[in-house]
Amino acid sequence: MAVLSRAGGMPLVRKRLNEKYILKELLSQGFVPRSDFRMKMKSGWYAYLVTNQTVCGEHYIYPEHFAHDYRAGRKGYRDIHTALNSGIGQEGYTRIYYTAYKNGIAK
């Protein structure tokens, strides 16, 4: 269980889901192990939906190249934020990986 602090000092206890259920949800949405999908890293125009932590001992990625730059958008790739808002991924377990930034995190 994860204990978070709530306004007023009362602890808020949020139950974390079992990893096997998270993995089942990710696989049903089409996620694959990160080692099975090759990312386009050189240009820095692309973004990916990845898990922010290991799930059952492995990181997972949604197998599609998304655009976060206008150049990739002109080539026909979907915008990463539109895809994320469409319901892809599991809340609290997925994040956006930007290829243009060190470690995939935009600052």
N, C-alpha and C. Protein backbone atom coordinates (compact mmCIF):
# COMPACT_ATOMS: atom_id res chain seq x y z
N MET A 1 0.84 -1.18 0.00
CA MET A 1 0.00 0.00 0.00
C MET A 1 0.88 1.24 0.00
N ALA A 2 0.42 2.23 -0.66
CA ALA A 2 1.13 3.50 -0.70
C ALA A 2 0.39 4.48 0.21
N VAL A 3 1.13 5.16 1.08
CA VAL A 3 0.54 6.13 1.98
C VAL A 3 0.90 7.52 1.48
N LEU A 4 -0.10 8.31 1.19
CA LEU A 4 0.09 9.68 0.74
C LEU A 4 -0.44 10.61 1.82
N SER A 5 0.05 11.84 1.85
CA SER A 5 -0.47 12.77 2.84
C SER A 5 -1.59 13.60 2.23
N ARG A 6 -2.59 13.84 2.97
CA ARG A 6 -3.75 14.60 2.55
C ARG A 6 -3.70 15.96 3.25
N ALA A 7 -4.36 16.95 2.70
CA ALA A 7 -4.42 18.26 3.35
C ALA A 7 -5.03 18.10 4.74
N GLY A 8 -4.43 18.72 5.73
CA GLY A 8 -4.93 18.58 7.10
C GLY A 8 -4.20 17.52 7.88
N GLY A 9 -3.22 16.88 7.28
CA GLY A 9 -2.40 15.91 8.00
C GLY A 9 -2.96 14.50 8.04
N MET A 10 -4.16 14.27 7.56
CA MET A 10 -4.73 12.92 7.57
C MET A 10 -4.06 12.09 6.48
N PRO A 11 -3.62 10.90 6.80
CA PRO A 11 -3.00 10.06 5.76
C PRO A 11 -4.05 9.51 4.80
N LEU A 12 -3.70 9.48 3.53
CA LEU A 12 -4.56 8.92 2.50
C LEU A 12 -3.91 7.63 2.03
N VAL A 13 -4.57 6.53 2.22
CA VAL A 13 -4.02 5.23 1.85
C VAL A 13 -4.61 4.83 0.51
N ARG A 14 -3.73 4.64 -0.47
CA ARG A 14 -4.17 4.23 -1.80
C ARG A 14 -3.64 2.82 -2.04
N LYS A 15 -4.52 1.91 -2.32
CA LYS A 15 -4.12 0.53 -2.56
C LYS A 15 -3.52 0.39 -3.95
N ARG A 16 -2.34 -0.19 -4.04
CA ARG A 16 -1.70 -0.44 -5.33
C ARG A 16 -2.21 -1.77 -5.87
N LEU A 17 -2.45 -1.79 -7.17
CA LEU A 17 -2.94 -3.01 -7.79
C LEU A 17 -1.83 -4.05 -7.91
N ASN A 18 -2.21 -5.28 -7.93
CA ASN A 18 -1.27 -6.36 -8.11
C ASN A 18 -0.66 -6.26 -9.51
N GLU A 19 0.65 -6.52 -9.61
CA GLU A 19 1.35 -6.36 -10.89
C GLU A 19 0.78 -7.25 -11.99
N LYS A 20 0.29 -8.43 -11.66
CA LYS A 20 -0.21 -9.30 -12.71
C LYS A 20 -1.46 -8.72 -13.37
N TYR A 21 -2.26 -7.97 -12.60
CA TYR A 21 -3.44 -7.33 -13.19
C TYR A 21 -3.05 -6.13 -14.06
N ILE A 22 -2.02 -5.41 -13.64
CA ILE A 22 -1.51 -4.31 -14.45
C ILE A 22 -0.96 -4.85 -15.76
N LEU A 23 -0.18 -5.93 -15.69
CA LEU A 23 0.39 -6.53 -16.88
C LEU A 23 -0.71 -7.01 -17.82
N LYS A 24 -1.74 -7.62 -17.28
CA LYS A 24 -2.85 -8.11 -18.10
C LYS A 24 -3.53 -6.96 -18.83
N GLU A 25 -3.72 -5.83 -18.15
CA GLU A 25 -4.34 -4.65 -18.76
C GLU A 25 -3.44 -4.08 -19.85
N LEU A 26 -2.15 -3.97 -19.59
CA LEU A 26 -1.23 -3.43 -20.59
C LEU A 26 -1.16 -4.32 -21.83
N LEU A 27 -1.12 -5.63 -21.64
CA LEU A 27 -1.06 -6.55 -22.78
C LEU A 27 -2.36 -6.52 -23.58
N SER A 28 -3.49 -6.34 -22.91
CA SER A 28 -4.76 -6.27 -23.64
C SER A 28 -4.86 -4.99 -24.47
N GLN A 29 -4.14 -3.94 -24.07
CA GLN A 29 -4.14 -2.70 -24.84
C GLN A 29 -3.11 -2.73 -25.97
N GLY A 30 -2.25 -3.74 -25.98
CA GLY A 30 -1.30 -3.88 -27.07
C GLY A 30 0.14 -3.58 -26.71
N PHE A 31 0.45 -3.33 -25.44
CA PHE A 31 1.83 -3.07 -25.04
C PHE A 31 2.67 -4.33 -25.24
N VAL A 32 3.93 -4.13 -25.55
CA VAL A 32 4.88 -5.23 -25.74
C VAL A 32 6.12 -4.94 -24.90
N PRO A 33 6.94 -5.97 -24.60
CA PRO A 33 8.19 -5.69 -23.89
C PRO A 33 9.06 -4.71 -24.67
N ARG A 34 9.75 -3.86 -23.94
CA ARG A 34 10.55 -2.80 -24.58
C ARG A 34 11.62 -3.37 -25.49
N SER A 35 12.11 -4.55 -25.21
CA SER A 35 13.14 -5.17 -26.04
C SER A 35 12.60 -5.65 -27.39
N ASP A 36 11.28 -5.78 -27.52
CA ASP A 36 10.67 -6.27 -28.76
C ASP A 36 10.31 -5.17 -29.75
N PHE A 37 10.49 -3.90 -29.38
CA PHE A 37 10.10 -2.79 -30.25
C PHE A 37 11.28 -1.82 -30.36
N ARG A 38 11.64 -1.51 -31.59
CA ARG A 38 12.77 -0.62 -31.84
C ARG A 38 12.29 0.83 -31.94
N MET A 39 12.88 1.70 -31.11
CA MET A 39 12.51 3.12 -31.11
C MET A 39 13.40 3.88 -32.09
N LYS A 40 12.85 4.93 -32.69
CA LYS A 40 13.61 5.81 -33.57
C LYS A 40 14.24 6.91 -32.71
N MET A 41 15.53 6.77 -32.43
CA MET A 41 16.19 7.66 -31.48
C MET A 41 16.98 8.80 -32.13
N LYS A 42 17.40 8.67 -33.37
CA LYS A 42 18.34 9.62 -33.95
C LYS A 42 17.78 11.00 -34.20
N SER A 43 16.59 11.10 -34.74
CA SER A 43 16.08 12.42 -35.13
C SER A 43 15.56 13.23 -33.96
N GLY A 44 15.05 12.58 -32.93
CA GLY A 44 14.49 13.30 -31.79
C GLY A 44 13.10 13.86 -32.03
N TRP A 45 12.42 13.42 -33.06
CA TRP A 45 11.09 13.92 -33.39
C TRP A 45 9.98 13.07 -32.80
N TYR A 46 10.32 11.96 -32.21
CA TYR A 46 9.31 10.98 -31.84
C TYR A 46 9.15 10.87 -30.32
N ALA A 47 8.02 10.32 -29.92
CA ALA A 47 7.73 10.08 -28.52
C ALA A 47 7.04 8.72 -28.41
N TYR A 48 7.13 8.12 -27.24
CA TYR A 48 6.58 6.78 -27.03
C TYR A 48 5.88 6.72 -25.68
N LEU A 49 4.91 5.83 -25.56
CA LEU A 49 4.26 5.55 -24.29
C LEU A 49 4.94 4.34 -23.69
N VAL A 50 5.55 4.51 -22.52
CA VAL A 50 6.28 3.43 -21.86
C VAL A 50 5.81 3.34 -20.41
N THR A 51 6.08 2.21 -19.77
CA THR A 51 5.79 2.09 -18.35
C THR A 51 6.86 2.84 -17.57
N ASN A 52 6.46 3.47 -16.48
CA ASN A 52 7.41 4.23 -15.70
C ASN A 52 8.10 3.40 -14.62
N GLN A 53 7.77 2.14 -14.55
CA GLN A 53 8.40 1.22 -13.61
C GLN A 53 8.32 -0.19 -14.18
N THR A 54 9.09 -1.08 -13.61
CA THR A 54 9.04 -2.45 -14.11
C THR A 54 7.73 -3.10 -13.67
N VAL A 55 7.14 -3.84 -14.57
CA VAL A 55 5.92 -4.59 -14.28
C VAL A 55 6.26 -6.05 -14.54
N CYS A 56 6.22 -6.84 -13.50
CA CYS A 56 6.60 -8.26 -13.56
C CYS A 56 8.02 -8.42 -14.12
N GLY A 57 8.92 -7.54 -13.72
CA GLY A 57 10.33 -7.66 -14.08
C GLY A 57 10.73 -7.09 -15.42
N GLU A 58 9.85 -6.37 -16.11
CA GLU A 58 10.19 -5.84 -17.43
C GLU A 58 9.46 -4.52 -17.68
N HIS A 59 10.08 -3.66 -18.51
CA HIS A 59 9.44 -2.43 -18.95
C HIS A 59 8.66 -2.72 -20.23
N TYR A 60 7.53 -2.04 -20.42
CA TYR A 60 6.69 -2.25 -21.59
C TYR A 60 6.51 -0.94 -22.36
N ILE A 61 6.26 -1.07 -23.66
CA ILE A 61 6.11 0.08 -24.55
C ILE A 61 4.94 -0.17 -25.48
N TYR A 62 4.23 0.92 -25.82
CA TYR A 62 3.15 0.81 -26.80
C TYR A 62 3.80 0.83 -28.18
N PRO A 63 3.57 -0.16 -29.02
CA PRO A 63 4.32 -0.31 -30.28
C PRO A 63 3.86 0.62 -31.41
N GLU A 64 4.00 1.91 -31.19
CA GLU A 64 3.67 2.88 -32.22
C GLU A 64 4.58 4.09 -32.04
N HIS A 65 5.01 4.66 -33.15
CA HIS A 65 5.81 5.88 -33.12
C HIS A 65 4.84 7.06 -33.12
N PHE A 66 4.95 7.93 -32.12
CA PHE A 66 4.09 9.11 -32.02
C PHE A 66 4.90 10.36 -32.31
N ALA A 67 4.22 11.42 -32.69
CA ALA A 67 4.88 12.69 -32.96
C ALA A 67 4.77 13.60 -31.75
N HIS A 68 5.84 14.31 -31.44
CA HIS A 68 5.74 15.40 -30.48
C HIS A 68 6.37 16.65 -31.09
N ASP A 69 6.73 16.53 -32.36
CA ASP A 69 7.35 17.60 -33.11
C ASP A 69 6.55 17.78 -34.40
N TYR A 70 6.47 18.99 -34.89
CA TYR A 70 5.67 19.23 -36.09
C TYR A 70 6.20 18.48 -37.31
N ARG A 71 7.52 18.20 -37.34
CA ARG A 71 8.09 17.50 -38.49
C ARG A 71 7.57 16.06 -38.58
N ALA A 72 7.49 15.40 -37.46
CA ALA A 72 6.95 14.04 -37.47
C ALA A 72 5.44 14.06 -37.70
N GLY A 73 4.78 15.10 -37.20
CA GLY A 73 3.34 15.24 -37.43
C GLY A 73 3.00 15.40 -38.90
N ARG A 74 3.86 16.09 -39.62
CA ARG A 74 3.64 16.24 -41.06
C ARG A 74 3.80 14.92 -41.81
N LYS A 75 4.56 14.00 -41.25
CA LYS A 75 4.75 12.69 -41.89
C LYS A 75 3.59 11.74 -41.63
N GLY A 76 2.63 12.16 -40.82
CA GLY A 76 1.45 11.34 -40.61
C GLY A 76 1.40 10.61 -39.28
N TYR A 77 2.33 10.87 -38.38
CA TYR A 77 2.31 10.22 -37.07
C TYR A 77 1.32 10.93 -36.16
N ARG A 78 0.65 10.15 -35.29
CA ARG A 78 -0.32 10.73 -34.35
C ARG A 78 0.40 11.53 -33.27
N ASP A 79 -0.26 12.55 -32.76
CA ASP A 79 0.29 13.34 -31.67
C ASP A 79 0.27 12.52 -30.38
N ILE A 80 1.34 12.60 -29.61
CA ILE A 80 1.48 11.79 -28.40
C ILE A 80 0.43 12.15 -27.35
N HIS A 81 0.11 13.44 -27.21
CA HIS A 81 -0.84 13.85 -26.18
C HIS A 81 -2.28 13.44 -26.53
N THR A 82 -2.60 13.46 -27.80
CA THR A 82 -3.92 12.99 -28.23
C THR A 82 -4.06 11.50 -27.94
N ALA A 83 -3.01 10.75 -28.20
CA ALA A 83 -3.04 9.30 -27.96
C ALA A 83 -3.15 9.00 -26.47
N LEU A 84 -2.43 9.75 -25.65
CA LEU A 84 -2.48 9.52 -24.21
C LEU A 84 -3.86 9.83 -23.65
N ASN A 85 -4.49 10.89 -24.14
CA ASN A 85 -5.83 11.26 -23.68
C ASN A 85 -6.91 10.34 -24.23
N SER A 86 -6.59 9.52 -25.22
CA SER A 86 -7.59 8.60 -25.77
C SER A 86 -7.76 7.35 -24.91
N GLY A 87 -6.95 7.20 -23.87
CA GLY A 87 -7.14 6.08 -22.95
C GLY A 87 -6.09 5.00 -23.06
N ILE A 88 -5.04 5.21 -23.84
CA ILE A 88 -3.98 4.21 -23.94
C ILE A 88 -3.14 4.28 -22.66
N GLY A 89 -2.86 3.14 -22.10
CA GLY A 89 -2.01 3.07 -20.91
C GLY A 89 -2.82 2.92 -19.63
N GLN A 90 -2.11 2.66 -18.56
CA GLN A 90 -2.71 2.48 -17.25
C GLN A 90 -2.32 3.66 -16.38
N GLU A 91 -3.29 4.32 -15.79
CA GLU A 91 -3.03 5.50 -14.99
C GLU A 91 -2.06 5.19 -13.85
N GLY A 92 -1.02 5.98 -13.75
CA GLY A 92 -0.02 5.79 -12.71
C GLY A 92 1.11 4.85 -13.09
N TYR A 93 0.99 4.18 -14.23
CA TYR A 93 2.01 3.22 -14.64
C TYR A 93 2.64 3.56 -15.99
N THR A 94 2.10 4.53 -16.72
CA THR A 94 2.66 4.87 -18.03
C THR A 94 3.09 6.33 -18.05
N ARG A 95 4.08 6.61 -18.90
CA ARG A 95 4.56 7.97 -19.08
C ARG A 95 4.97 8.15 -20.53
N ILE A 96 5.24 9.40 -20.90
CA ILE A 96 5.70 9.71 -22.25
C ILE A 96 7.22 9.72 -22.25
N TYR A 97 7.80 9.03 -23.22
CA TYR A 97 9.25 9.02 -23.40
C TYR A 97 9.56 9.83 -24.65
N TYR A 98 10.24 10.96 -24.47
CA TYR A 98 10.62 11.84 -25.59
C TYR A 98 12.03 11.47 -26.04
N THR A 99 12.23 11.25 -27.33
CA THR A 99 13.57 10.89 -27.81
C THR A 99 14.48 12.08 -27.92
N ALA A 100 13.95 13.29 -27.88
CA ALA A 100 14.77 14.50 -28.03
C ALA A 100 15.48 14.89 -26.73
N TYR A 101 15.11 14.30 -25.60
CA TYR A 101 15.66 14.71 -24.31
C TYR A 101 16.44 13.57 -23.66
N LYS A 102 17.41 13.95 -22.84
CA LYS A 102 18.20 12.97 -22.11
C LYS A 102 17.28 12.20 -21.16
N ASN A 103 17.37 10.91 -21.15
CA ASN A 103 16.56 10.01 -20.35
C ASN A 103 15.07 10.09 -20.67
N GLY A 104 14.70 10.74 -21.79
CA GLY A 104 13.32 10.78 -22.23
C GLY A 104 12.42 11.71 -21.46
N ILE A 105 13.00 12.56 -20.61
CA ILE A 105 12.19 13.43 -19.76
C ILE A 105 12.36 14.87 -20.23
N ALA A 106 11.26 15.52 -20.55
CA ALA A 106 11.30 16.92 -20.97
C ALA A 106 11.42 17.81 -19.75
N LYS A 107 12.30 18.80 -19.83
CA LYS A 107 12.51 19.70 -18.67
C LYS A 107 12.04 21.07 -18.97
